[in-house]
PDB file of N, CA and C in Angstrom:
ATOM      1  N   MET A   1      38.211 -27.076   4.392  1.00  0.00           N
ATOM      2  CA  MET A   1      38.484 -27.415   5.805  1.00  0.00           C
ATOM      3  C   MET A   1      37.163 -27.330   6.635  1.00  0.00           C
ATOM      4  N   GLU A   2      36.237 -26.307   6.291  1.00  0.00           N
ATOM      5  CA  GLU A   2      35.083 -26.356   6.927  1.00  0.00           C
ATOM      6  C   GLU A   2      34.130 -27.473   6.684  1.00  0.00           C
ATOM      7  N   ARG A   3      34.119 -28.040   5.567  1.00  0.00           N
ATOM      8  CA  ARG A   3      33.385 -29.246   5.262  1.00  0.00           C
ATOM      9  C   ARG A   3      33.904 -30.495   6.079  1.00  0.00           C
ATOM     10  N   PHE A   4      35.113 -30.513   6.109  1.00  0.00           N
ATOM     11  CA  PHE A   4      35.878 -31.607   6.942  1.00  0.00           C
ATOM     12  C   PHE A   4      35.476 -31.653   8.372  1.00  0.00           C
ATOM     13  N   LEU A   5      35.544 -30.380   8.850  1.00  0.00           N
ATOM     14  CA  LEU A   5      35.384 -30.183  10.358  1.00  0.00           C
ATOM     15  C   LEU A   5      33.863 -30.220  10.684  1.00  0.00           C
ATOM     16  N   ALA A   6      32.970 -30.049   9.857  1.00  0.00           N
ATOM     17  CA  ALA A   6      31.607 -30.035  10.116  1.00  0.00           C
ATOM     18  C   ALA A   6      31.090 -31.371  10.697  1.00  0.00           C
ATOM     19  N   GLY A   7      31.741 -32.392  10.168  1.00  0.00           N
ATOM     20  CA  GLY A   7      31.313 -33.640  10.522  1.00  0.00           C
ATOM     21  C   GLY A   7      31.718 -34.111  12.010  1.00  0.00           C
ATOM     22  N   TYR A   8      32.713 -33.309  12.611  1.00  0.00           N
ATOM     23  CA  TYR A   8      32.974 -33.543  13.967  1.00  0.00           C
ATOM     24  C   TYR A   8      32.474 -32.472  14.919  1.00  0.00           C
ATOM     25  N   ALA A   9      31.608 -31.748  14.549  1.00  0.00           N
ATOM     26  CA  ALA A   9      31.097 -30.651  15.334  1.00  0.00           C
ATOM     27  C   ALA A   9      30.414 -31.117  16.742  1.00  0.00           C
ATOM     28  N   ALA A  10      29.851 -32.204  16.752  1.00  0.00           N
ATOM     29  CA  ALA A  10      29.205 -32.788  18.051  1.00  0.00           C
ATOM     30  C   ALA A  10      30.353 -33.224  18.974  1.00  0.00           C
ATOM     31  N   GLN A  11      31.339 -33.884  18.366  1.00  0.00           N
ATOM     32  CA  GLN A  11      32.412 -34.307  19.311  1.00  0.00           C
ATOM     33  C   GLN A  11      33.240 -33.175  19.763  1.00  0.00           C
ATOM     34  N   ALA A  12      33.459 -32.156  18.949  1.00  0.00           N
ATOM     35  CA  ALA A  12      34.130 -31.005  19.461  1.00  0.00           C
ATOM     36  C   ALA A  12      33.546 -30.257  20.587  1.00  0.00           C
ATOM     37  N   TYR A  13      32.184 -30.003  20.270  1.00  0.00           N
ATOM     38  CA  TYR A  13      31.323 -29.480  21.454  1.00  0.00           C
ATOM     39  C   TYR A  13      31.447 -30.177  22.686  1.00  0.00           C
ATOM     40  N   ALA A  14      31.183 -31.541  22.522  1.00  0.00           N
ATOM     41  CA  ALA A  14      31.322 -32.395  23.744  1.00  0.00           C
ATOM     42  C   ALA A  14      32.578 -32.313  24.460  1.00  0.00           C
ATOM     43  N   LEU A  15      33.792 -32.340  23.677  1.00  0.00           N
ATOM     44  CA  LEU A  15      34.995 -32.322  24.286  1.00  0.00           C
ATOM     45  C   LEU A  15      35.198 -30.874  25.013  1.00  0.00           C
ATOM     46  N   LEU A  16      34.820 -29.833  24.389  1.00  0.00           N
ATOM     47  CA  LEU A  16      34.949 -28.549  25.010  1.00  0.00           C
ATOM     48  C   LEU A  16      34.122 -28.408  26.217  1.00  0.00           C
ATOM     49  N   ARG A  17      32.767 -28.953  26.197  1.00  0.00           N
ATOM     50  CA  ARG A  17      32.043 -28.993  27.378  1.00  0.00           C
ATOM     51  C   ARG A  17      32.707 -29.714  28.606  1.00  0.00           C
ATOM     52  N   ILE A  18      33.242 -30.817  28.272  1.00  0.00           N
ATOM     53  CA  ILE A  18      33.909 -31.641  29.309  1.00  0.00           C
ATOM     54  C   ILE A  18      35.098 -31.014  29.906  1.00  0.00           C
ATOM     55  N   ILE A  19      35.933 -30.349  29.050  1.00  0.00           N
ATOM     56  CA  ILE A  19      37.105 -29.601  29.554  1.00  0.00           C
ATOM     57  C   ILE A  19      36.774 -28.462  30.380  1.00  0.00           C
ATOM     58  N   ILE A  20      35.885 -27.604  30.015  1.00  0.00           N
ATOM     59  CA  ILE A  20      35.483 -26.496  30.753  1.00  0.00           C
ATOM     60  C   ILE A  20      34.669 -26.942  32.119  1.00  0.00           C
ATOM     61  N   GLY A  21      33.876 -28.014  32.012  1.00  0.00           N
ATOM     62  CA  GLY A  21      33.295 -28.591  33.304  1.00  0.00           C
ATOM     63  C   GLY A  21      34.373 -29.009  34.222  1.00  0.00           C
ATOM     64  N   LEU A  22      35.401 -29.750  33.726  1.00  0.00           N
ATOM     65  CA  LEU A  22      36.553 -30.200  34.592  1.00  0.00           C
ATOM     66  C   LEU A  22      37.250 -29.008  35.265  1.00  0.00           C
ATOM     67  N   LEU A  23      37.377 -27.898  34.434  1.00  0.00           N
ATOM     68  CA  LEU A  23      38.083 -26.784  35.055  1.00  0.00           C
ATOM     69  C   LEU A  23      37.405 -26.177  36.014  1.00  0.00           C
ATOM     70  N   PHE A  24      35.985 -26.003  35.964  1.00  0.00           N
ATOM     71  CA  PHE A  24      35.126 -25.475  37.021  1.00  0.00           C
ATOM     72  C   PHE A  24      35.174 -26.388  38.225  1.00  0.00           C
ATOM     73  N   PHE A  25      35.052 -27.630  37.955  1.00  0.00           N
ATOM     74  CA  PHE A  25      35.022 -28.747  39.063  1.00  0.00           C
ATOM     75  C   PHE A  25      36.286 -28.568  39.899  1.00  0.00           C
ATOM     76  N   CYS A  26      37.422 -28.512  39.216  1.00  0.00           N
ATOM     77  CA  CYS A  26      38.846 -28.536  39.912  1.00  0.00           C
ATOM     78  C   CYS A  26      38.957 -27.202  40.625  1.00  0.00           C
ATOM     79  N   HIS A  27      38.405 -26.167  40.082  1.00  0.00           N
ATOM     80  CA  HIS A  27      38.477 -24.956  40.710  1.00  0.00           C
ATOM     81  C   HIS A  27      37.660 -24.861  42.010  1.00  0.00           C
ATOM     82  N   GLY A  28      36.466 -25.443  42.048  1.00  0.00           N
ATOM     83  CA  GLY A  28      35.677 -25.500  43.071  1.00  0.00           C
ATOM     84  C   GLY A  28      36.310 -26.440  44.209  1.00  0.00           C
ATOM     85  N   ALA A  29      36.895 -27.554  43.723  1.00  0.00           N
ATOM     86  CA  ALA A  29      37.610 -28.565  44.668  1.00  0.00           C
ATOM     87  C   ALA A  29      38.765 -27.951  45.393  1.00  0.00           C
ATOM     88  N   GLN A  30      39.442 -27.029  44.751  1.00  0.00           N
ATOM     89  CA  GLN A  30      40.551 -26.291  45.134  1.00  0.00           C
ATOM     90  C   GLN A  30      40.036 -25.354  46.394  1.00  0.00           C
ATOM     91  N   LYS A  31      38.967 -24.799  46.243  1.00  0.00           N
ATOM     92  CA  LYS A  31      38.524 -23.848  47.234  1.00  0.00           C
ATOM     93  C   LYS A  31      37.772 -24.646  48.419  1.00  0.00           C
ATOM     94  N   VAL A  32      36.933 -25.559  48.196  1.00  0.00           N
ATOM     95  CA  VAL A  32      36.216 -26.299  49.219  1.00  0.00           C
ATOM     96  C   VAL A  32      37.010 -27.378  49.907  1.00  0.00           C
ATOM     97  N   PHE A  33      37.826 -28.209  49.095  1.00  0.00           N
ATOM     98  CA  PHE A  33      38.522 -29.280  49.751  1.00  0.00           C
ATOM     99  C   PHE A  33      39.930 -29.035  49.926  1.00  0.00           C
ATOM    100  N   ALA A  34      40.514 -27.807  49.488  1.00  0.00           N
ATOM    101  CA  ALA A  34      41.982 -27.445  49.525  1.00  0.00           C
ATOM    102  C   ALA A  34      42.677 -28.590  48.776  1.00  0.00           C
ATOM    103  N   LEU A  35      42.086 -29.089  47.583  1.00  0.00           N
ATOM    104  CA  LEU A  35      42.911 -29.939  46.769  1.00  0.00           C
ATOM    105  C   LEU A  35      43.663 -29.175  45.675  1.00  0.00           C
ATOM    106  N   LEU A  36      44.593 -29.696  45.074  1.00  0.00           N
ATOM    107  CA  LEU A  36      45.349 -29.069  43.958  1.00  0.00           C
ATOM    108  C   LEU A  36      45.993 -27.768  44.450  1.00  0.00           C
ATOM    109  N   GLY A  37      46.458 -27.664  45.687  1.00  0.00           N
ATOM    110  CA  GLY A  37      47.065 -26.468  46.175  1.00  0.00           C
ATOM    111  C   GLY A  37      46.358 -25.680  47.141  1.00  0.00           C
ATOM    112  N   GLY A  38      44.992 -25.446  46.901  1.00  0.00           N
ATOM    113  CA  GLY A  38      44.126 -24.744  47.771  1.00  0.00           C
ATOM    114  C   GLY A  38      44.670 -23.355  48.090  1.00  0.00           C
ATOM    115  N   ILE A  39      43.771 -22.664  48.821  1.00  0.00           N
ATOM    116  CA  ILE A  39      44.096 -21.381  49.174  1.00  0.00           C
ATOM    117  C   ILE A  39      44.704 -21.450  50.510  1.00  0.00           C
ATOM    118  N   GLY A  40      45.892 -21.140  50.730  1.00  0.00           N
ATOM    119  CA  GLY A  40      46.526 -21.082  52.037  1.00  0.00           C
ATOM    120  C   GLY A  40      46.762 -22.506  52.570  1.00  0.00           C
ATOM    121  N   GLY A  41      46.507 -23.556  51.769  1.00  0.00           N
ATOM    122  CA  GLY A  41      46.591 -24.882  52.220  1.00  0.00           C
ATOM    123  C   GLY A  41      45.563 -25.506  53.177  1.00  0.00           C
ATOM    124  N   ALA A  42      44.509 -24.669  53.277  1.00  0.00           N
ATOM    125  CA  ALA A  42      43.320 -25.073  54.023  1.00  0.00           C
ATOM    126  C   ALA A  42      42.087 -24.839  53.427  1.00  0.00           C
ATOM    127  N   PRO A  43      40.972 -25.533  53.662  1.00  0.00           N
ATOM    128  CA  PRO A  43      39.763 -25.357  52.943  1.00  0.00           C
ATOM    129  C   PRO A  43      39.095 -23.963  53.409  1.00  0.00           C
ATOM    130  N   VAL A  44      38.493 -23.177  52.617  1.00  0.00           N
ATOM    131  CA  VAL A  44      37.847 -21.952  53.033  1.00  0.00           C
ATOM    132  C   VAL A  44      36.483 -22.297  53.741  1.00  0.00           C
ATOM    133  N   PRO A  45      36.047 -21.398  54.659  1.00  0.00           N
ATOM    134  CA  PRO A  45      34.768 -21.757  55.355  1.00  0.00           C
ATOM    135  C   PRO A  45      33.564 -21.569  54.255  1.00  0.00           C
ATOM    136  N   LEU A  46      32.725 -22.686  54.364  1.00  0.00           N
ATOM    137  CA  LEU A  46      31.566 -22.640  53.530  1.00  0.00           C
ATOM    138  C   LEU A  46      30.603 -21.452  53.564  1.00  0.00           C
ATOM    139  N   ALA A  47      30.601 -20.853  54.760  1.00  0.00           N
ATOM    140  CA  ALA A  47      29.639 -19.579  54.944  1.00  0.00           C
ATOM    141  C   ALA A  47      30.297 -18.411  54.329  1.00  0.00           C
ATOM    142  N   SER A  48      31.491 -18.445  53.816  1.00  0.00           N
ATOM    143  CA  SER A  48      32.143 -17.196  53.192  1.00  0.00           C
ATOM    144  C   SER A  48      31.752 -17.084  51.693  1.00  0.00           C
ATOM    145  N   LEU A  49      32.183 -16.038  51.173  1.00  0.00           N
ATOM    146  CA  LEU A  49      31.911 -15.746  49.709  1.00  0.00           C
ATOM    147  C   LEU A  49      32.616 -16.735  48.910  1.00  0.00           C
ATOM    148  N   PHE A  50      33.919 -17.031  49.227  1.00  0.00           N
ATOM    149  CA  PHE A  50      34.694 -18.110  48.619  1.00  0.00           C
ATOM    150  C   PHE A  50      34.061 -19.502  48.639  1.00  0.00           C
ATOM    151  N   GLY A  51      33.580 -19.790  49.833  1.00  0.00           N
ATOM    152  CA  GLY A  51      32.993 -21.001  50.128  1.00  0.00           C
ATOM    153  C   GLY A  51      31.785 -21.374  49.276  1.00  0.00           C
ATOM    154  N   VAL A  52      31.023 -20.292  49.212  1.00  0.00           N
ATOM    155  CA  VAL A  52      29.746 -20.350  48.300  1.00  0.00           C
ATOM    156  C   VAL A  52      30.054 -20.468  46.774  1.00  0.00           C
ATOM    157  N   ALA A  53      31.135 -19.642  46.377  1.00  0.00           N
ATOM    158  CA  ALA A  53      31.597 -19.847  45.000  1.00  0.00           C
ATOM    159  C   ALA A  53      32.230 -21.159  44.658  1.00  0.00           C
ATOM    160  N   GLY A  54      32.856 -21.699  45.757  1.00  0.00           N
ATOM    161  CA  GLY A  54      33.417 -23.078  45.490  1.00  0.00           C
ATOM    162  C   GLY A  54      32.342 -24.101  45.454  1.00  0.00           C
ATOM    163  N   VAL A  55      31.312 -24.098  46.236  1.00  0.00           N
ATOM    164  CA  VAL A  55      30.287 -25.070  46.163  1.00  0.00           C
ATOM    165  C   VAL A  55      29.604 -24.974  44.773  1.00  0.00           C
ATOM    166  N   LEU A  56      29.283 -23.665  44.429  1.00  0.00           N
ATOM    167  CA  LEU A  56      28.704 -23.561  43.140  1.00  0.00           C
ATOM    168  C   LEU A  56      29.515 -24.063  41.919  1.00  0.00           C
ATOM    169  N   GLU A  57      30.824 -23.909  42.068  1.00  0.00           N
ATOM    170  CA  GLU A  57      31.743 -24.300  41.028  1.00  0.00           C
ATOM    171  C   GLU A  57      31.676 -25.881  40.981  1.00  0.00           C
ATOM    172  N   LEU A  58      31.632 -26.543  42.053  1.00  0.00           N
ATOM    173  CA  LEU A  58      31.603 -27.987  42.130  1.00  0.00           C
ATOM    174  C   LEU A  58      30.321 -28.478  41.616  1.00  0.00           C
ATOM    175  N   ILE A  59      29.225 -27.900  42.020  1.00  0.00           N
ATOM    176  CA  ILE A  59      27.862 -28.391  41.445  1.00  0.00           C
ATOM    177  C   ILE A  59      27.686 -28.097  39.931  1.00  0.00           C
ATOM    178  N   LEU A  60      28.070 -26.890  39.624  1.00  0.00           N
ATOM    179  CA  LEU A  60      27.821 -26.606  38.185  1.00  0.00           C
ATOM    180  C   LEU A  60      28.799 -27.152  37.218  1.00  0.00           C
ATOM    181  N   GLY A  61      30.025 -27.271  37.759  1.00  0.00           N
ATOM    182  CA  GLY A  61      31.061 -27.982  36.931  1.00  0.00           C
ATOM    183  C   GLY A  61      30.634 -29.429  36.691  1.00  0.00           C
ATOM    184  N   ALA A  62      30.104 -30.248  37.769  1.00  0.00           N
ATOM    185  CA  ALA A  62      29.688 -31.495  37.616  1.00  0.00           C
ATOM    186  C   ALA A  62      28.453 -31.652  36.554  1.00  0.00           C
ATOM    187  N   LEU A  63      27.471 -30.656  36.618  1.00  0.00           N
ATOM    188  CA  LEU A  63      26.425 -30.726  35.636  1.00  0.00           C
ATOM    189  C   LEU A  63      26.864 -30.472  34.268  1.00  0.00           C
ATOM    190  N   VAL A  64      27.937 -29.611  34.053  1.00  0.00           N
ATOM    191  CA  VAL A  64      28.422 -29.302  32.708  1.00  0.00           C
ATOM    192  C   VAL A  64      29.154 -30.548  32.210  1.00  0.00           C
ATOM    193  N   ILE A  65      30.002 -31.260  33.073  1.00  0.00           N
ATOM    194  CA  ILE A  65      30.698 -32.426  32.577  1.00  0.00           C
ATOM    195  C   ILE A  65      29.672 -33.515  32.044  1.00  0.00           C
ATOM    196  N   VAL A  66      28.559 -33.763  32.995  1.00  0.00           N
ATOM    197  CA  VAL A  66      27.678 -34.828  32.545  1.00  0.00           C
ATOM    198  C   VAL A  66      26.875 -34.381  31.449  1.00  0.00           C
ATOM    199  N   GLY A  67      26.591 -33.020  31.322  1.00  0.00           N
ATOM    200  CA  GLY A  67      25.690 -32.550  30.234  1.00  0.00           C
ATOM    201  C   GLY A  67      24.208 -32.412  30.656  1.00  0.00           C
ATOM    202  N   TRP A  68      23.963 -32.520  31.837  1.00  0.00           N
ATOM    203  CA  TRP A  68      22.633 -32.477  32.327  1.00  0.00           C
ATOM    204  C   TRP A  68      22.453 -31.096  32.672  1.00  0.00           C
ATOM    205  N   LEU A  69      21.409 -30.344  32.036  1.00  0.00           N
ATOM    206  CA  LEU A  69      21.124 -28.867  32.218  1.00  0.00           C
ATOM    207  C   LEU A  69      22.289 -28.072  31.929  1.00  0.00           C
ATOM    208  N   ALA A  70      23.204 -28.435  30.971  1.00  0.00           N
ATOM    209  CA  ALA A  70      24.470 -27.835  30.777  1.00  0.00           C
ATOM    210  C   ALA A  70      24.253 -26.315  30.368  1.00  0.00           C
ATOM    211  N   GLY A  71      23.267 -26.029  29.501  1.00  0.00           N
ATOM    212  CA  GLY A  71      23.073 -24.533  29.314  1.00  0.00           C
ATOM    213  C   GLY A  71      22.798 -23.767  30.346  1.00  0.00           C
ATOM    214  N   TYR A  72      21.780 -24.189  31.244  1.00  0.00           N
ATOM    215  CA  TYR A  72      21.458 -23.516  32.475  1.00  0.00           C
ATOM    216  C   TYR A  72      22.654 -23.246  33.384  1.00  0.00           C
ATOM    217  N   ALA A  73      23.402 -24.410  33.596  1.00  0.00           N
ATOM    218  CA  ALA A  73      24.473 -24.457  34.497  1.00  0.00           C
ATOM    219  C   ALA A  73      25.684 -23.505  33.949  1.00  0.00           C
ATOM    220  N   THR A  74      25.887 -23.407  32.690  1.00  0.00           N
ATOM    221  CA  THR A  74      26.953 -22.567  32.268  1.00  0.00           C
ATOM    222  C   THR A  74      26.573 -21.095  32.339  1.00  0.00           C
ATOM    223  N   PHE A  75      25.207 -20.895  32.168  1.00  0.00           N
ATOM    224  CA  PHE A  75      24.705 -19.489  32.295  1.00  0.00           C
ATOM    225  C   PHE A  75      24.915 -19.146  33.860  1.00  0.00           C
ATOM    226  N   LEU A  76      24.535 -19.919  34.728  1.00  0.00           N
ATOM    227  CA  LEU A  76      24.724 -19.560  36.207  1.00  0.00           C
ATOM    228  C   LEU A  76      26.179 -19.385  36.501  1.00  0.00           C
ATOM    229  N   ALA A  77      26.956 -20.264  36.033  1.00  0.00           N
ATOM    230  CA  ALA A  77      28.462 -20.295  36.256  1.00  0.00           C
ATOM    231  C   ALA A  77      29.152 -18.989  35.603  1.00  0.00           C
ATOM    232  N   SER A  78      28.552 -18.501  34.645  1.00  0.00           N
ATOM    233  CA  SER A  78      29.232 -17.370  33.903  1.00  0.00           C
ATOM    234  C   SER A  78      28.899 -16.066  34.714  1.00  0.00           C
ATOM    235  N   GLY A  79      27.861 -16.011  35.642  1.00  0.00           N
ATOM    236  CA  GLY A  79      27.640 -14.847  36.300  1.00  0.00           C
ATOM    237  C   GLY A  79      27.937 -14.893  37.751  1.00  0.00           C
TER     238      GLY A  79
END
């Protein structure tokens, strides 16, 4: 089984990176733009802690989706 899956390692990592990036991006869009349900149906103020977290999730999620500086973006997003 491991020999069969080893040929698809690059595609599996890319799919995982795209899915994780989309999750971060959608979570940031939920906070900043009140999309997908939002918090209380209204966007949070950008000067608040939730606003800063939402902007970071938007930017870092987009970087992870595209794959540009993905290692650094995921490290920042994890902390």
